[in-house]
C-alpha atoms as a PDB file:
ATOM      1  CA  MET A   1     -21.985 104.925 -20.926  1.00  0.00           C
ATOM      2  CA  ASP A   2     -23.135 108.559 -20.863  1.00  0.00           C
ATOM      3  CA  PRO A   3     -23.588 110.008 -24.366  1.00  0.00           C
ATOM      4  CA  GLU A   4     -23.824 113.602 -22.978  1.00  0.00           C
ATOM      5  CA  SER A   5     -20.261 113.245 -21.703  1.00  0.00           C
ATOM      6  CA  TYR A   6     -18.769 111.916 -25.009  1.00  0.00           C
ATOM      7  CA  THR A   7     -16.226 114.168 -26.775  1.00  0.00           C
ATOM      8  CA  THR A   8     -15.135 111.925 -29.590  1.00  0.00           C
ATOM      9  CA  MET A   9     -16.677 109.806 -32.272  1.00  0.00           C
ATOM     10  CA  ALA A  10     -14.720 106.850 -31.009  1.00  0.00           C
ATOM     11  CA  GLU A  11     -16.667 107.158 -27.750  1.00  0.00           C
ATOM     12  CA  VAL A  12     -19.920 107.422 -29.657  1.00  0.00           C
ATOM     13  CA  ARG A  13     -19.110 104.399 -31.778  1.00  0.00           C
ATOM     14  CA  ALA A  14     -18.003 102.254 -28.855  1.00  0.00           C
ATOM     15  CA  GLY A  15     -21.215 103.179 -27.061  1.00  0.00           C
ATOM     16  CA  VAL A  16     -23.347 102.185 -30.049  1.00  0.00           C
ATOM     17  CA  ASP A  17     -21.374  98.884 -30.431  1.00  0.00           C
ATOM     18  CA  GLU A  18     -22.055  98.097 -26.740  1.00  0.00           C
ATOM     19  CA  ILE A  19     -25.789  98.849 -27.142  1.00  0.00           C
ATOM     20  CA  ASP A  20     -25.912  96.682 -30.269  1.00  0.00           C
ATOM     21  CA  ARG A  21     -24.375  93.772 -28.273  1.00  0.00           C
ATOM     22  CA  ARG A  22     -26.897  94.190 -25.600  1.00  0.00           C
ATOM     23  CA  LEU A  23     -29.798  94.449 -28.097  1.00  0.00           C
ATOM     24  CA  VAL A  24     -28.733  91.235 -29.859  1.00  0.00           C
ATOM     25  CA  ALA A  25     -28.712  89.437 -26.496  1.00  0.00           C
ATOM     26  CA  LEU A  26     -32.117  90.726 -25.678  1.00  0.00           C
ATOM     27  CA  LEU A  27     -33.419  89.801 -29.146  1.00  0.00           C
ATOM     28  CA  ASP A  28     -32.001  86.267 -28.586  1.00  0.00           C
ATOM     29  CA  GLN A  29     -34.078  86.079 -25.415  1.00  0.00           C
ATOM     30  CA  ARG A  30     -37.207  87.360 -27.280  1.00  0.00           C
ATOM     31  CA  PHE A  31     -36.740  84.648 -29.925  1.00  0.00           C
ATOM     32  CA  ALA A  32     -36.420  82.111 -27.198  1.00  0.00           C
ATOM     33  CA  HIS A  33     -39.902  83.147 -26.119  1.00  0.00           C
ATOM     34  CA  MET A  34     -41.117  82.669 -29.648  1.00  0.00           C
ATOM     35  CA  ARG A  35     -39.743  79.060 -29.514  1.00  0.00           C
ATOM     36  CA  ALA A  36     -41.662  78.554 -26.250  1.00  0.00           C
ATOM     37  CA  ALA A  37     -44.817  79.898 -27.837  1.00  0.00           C
ATOM     38  CA  ALA A  38     -44.394  77.584 -30.879  1.00  0.00           C
ATOM     39  CA  ARG A  39     -44.060  74.638 -28.452  1.00  0.00           C
ATOM     40  CA  ILE A  40     -47.020  75.636 -26.344  1.00  0.00           C
ATOM     41  CA  LYS A  41     -49.567  76.711 -29.019  1.00  0.00           C
ATOM     42  CA  PRO A  42     -51.822  73.792 -30.084  1.00  0.00           C
ATOM     43  CA  GLU A  43     -52.575  75.066 -33.638  1.00  0.00           C
ATOM     44  CA  ARG A  44     -50.517  76.908 -36.278  1.00  0.00           C
ATOM     45  CA  ALA A  45     -53.388  79.307 -36.766  1.00  0.00           C
ATOM     46  CA  ALA A  46     -52.795  80.493 -33.185  1.00  0.00           C
ATOM     47  CA  VAL A  47     -49.309  81.765 -34.183  1.00  0.00           C
ATOM     48  CA  ARG A  48     -50.653  84.954 -35.738  1.00  0.00           C
ATOM     49  CA  ASP A  49     -52.595  87.050 -33.340  1.00  0.00           C
ATOM     50  CA  GLU A  50     -53.373  90.539 -34.752  1.00  0.00           C
ATOM     51  CA  ALA A  51     -54.866  91.805 -31.499  1.00  0.00           C
ATOM     52  CA  ARG A  52     -51.727  90.820 -29.615  1.00  0.00           C
ATOM     53  CA  LYS A  53     -49.575  92.359 -32.337  1.00  0.00           C
ATOM     54  CA  ALA A  54     -51.361  95.638 -32.027  1.00  0.00           C
ATOM     55  CA  GLU A  55     -51.138  95.476 -28.191  1.00  0.00           C
ATOM     56  CA  VAL A  56     -47.320  94.878 -28.261  1.00  0.00           C
ATOM     57  CA  ILE A  57     -46.789  97.791 -30.748  1.00  0.00           C
ATOM     58  CA  GLU A  58     -48.932 100.148 -28.721  1.00  0.00           C
ATOM     59  CA  ASN A  59     -47.046  99.183 -25.512  1.00  0.00           C
ATOM     60  CA  VAL A  60     -43.819  99.955 -27.232  1.00  0.00           C
ATOM     61  CA  ARG A  61     -45.101 103.238 -28.692  1.00  0.00           C
ATOM     62  CA  ALA A  62     -46.312 104.358 -25.164  1.00  0.00           C
ATOM     63  CA  GLU A  63     -42.983 103.422 -23.629  1.00  0.00           C
ATOM     64  CA  ALA A  64     -41.061 105.341 -26.298  1.00  0.00           C
ATOM     65  CA  GLU A  65     -43.264 108.347 -25.803  1.00  0.00           C
ATOM     66  CA  ARG A  66     -42.686 108.130 -22.076  1.00  0.00           C
ATOM     67  CA  LEU A  67     -38.963 108.134 -22.608  1.00  0.00           C
ATOM     68  CA  GLY A  68     -39.064 110.919 -25.179  1.00  0.00           C
ATOM     69  CA  ALA A  69     -37.761 108.556 -27.950  1.00  0.00           C
ATOM     70  CA  PRO A  70     -39.038 108.762 -31.523  1.00  0.00           C
ATOM     71  CA  ALA A  71     -42.311 106.826 -31.039  1.00  0.00           C
ATOM     72  CA  ASP A  72     -43.140 106.419 -34.717  1.00  0.00           C
ATOM     73  CA  VAL A  73     -39.759 105.123 -35.585  1.00  0.00           C
ATOM     74  CA  ILE A  74     -39.746 102.604 -32.744  1.00  0.00           C
ATOM     75  CA  ALA A  75     -43.268 101.495 -33.521  1.00  0.00           C
ATOM     76  CA  ASP A  76     -42.213 100.874 -37.144  1.00  0.00           C
ATOM     77  CA  LEU A  77     -39.154  98.872 -35.966  1.00  0.00           C
ATOM     78  CA  TRP A  78     -41.356  96.887 -33.668  1.00  0.00           C
ATOM     79  CA  ASP A  79     -43.925  96.160 -36.405  1.00  0.00           C
ATOM     80  CA  ARG A  80     -41.002  94.609 -38.412  1.00  0.00           C
ATOM     81  CA  LEU A  81     -39.787  92.770 -35.339  1.00  0.00           C
ATOM     82  CA  VAL A  82     -43.147  91.308 -34.603  1.00  0.00           C
ATOM     83  CA  GLU A  83     -43.577  90.213 -38.202  1.00  0.00           C
ATOM     84  CA  ALA A  84     -40.202  88.546 -38.145  1.00  0.00           C
ATOM     85  CA  SER A  85     -41.060  86.944 -34.788  1.00  0.00           C
ATOM     86  CA  ILE A  86     -44.298  85.554 -36.268  1.00  0.00           C
ATOM     87  CA  ALA A  87     -42.368  84.117 -39.226  1.00  0.00           C
ATOM     88  CA  TYR A  88     -39.817  82.562 -36.927  1.00  0.00           C
ATOM     89  CA  GLU A  89     -42.472  81.092 -34.661  1.00  0.00           C
ATOM     90  CA  MET A  90     -44.229  79.616 -37.678  1.00  0.00           C
ATOM     91  CA  THR A  91     -41.055  78.024 -38.724  1.00  0.00           C
ATOM     92  CA  GLU A  92     -40.477  76.653 -35.250  1.00  0.00           C
ATOM     93  CA  PHE A  93     -44.082  75.517 -34.939  1.00  0.00           C
ATOM     94  CA  ASP A  94     -43.713  73.521 -38.153  1.00  0.00           C
ATOM     95  CA  ARG A  95     -40.395  72.018 -37.070  1.00  0.00           C
ATOM     96  CA  LEU A  96     -41.678  71.051 -33.666  1.00  0.00           C
ATOM     97  CA  LYS A  97     -45.044  69.623 -34.830  1.00  0.00           C
ATOM     98  CA  ALA A  98     -43.663  67.819 -37.963  1.00  0.00           C
END
């Protein structure tokens, strides 16, 4: 996949579809880590860690800037991803500790 070499929208769309498949697979792995965290953390209150959330978002922002990607957009996406991850981990924590 080399977007700079694309000459048709079909190539662009196929490239985007492939990236989306890869992102979903990576998100599946990320959520597996949330399940592990829910299993390992001793208390439900430990699920939300604002300092860690800020660290994760700052790391992603820095990486986006390094790559020349839109850092504000990516940081906003990660904020939503982290919040969704926290909600998922809380649900898993409750399920595992019930």
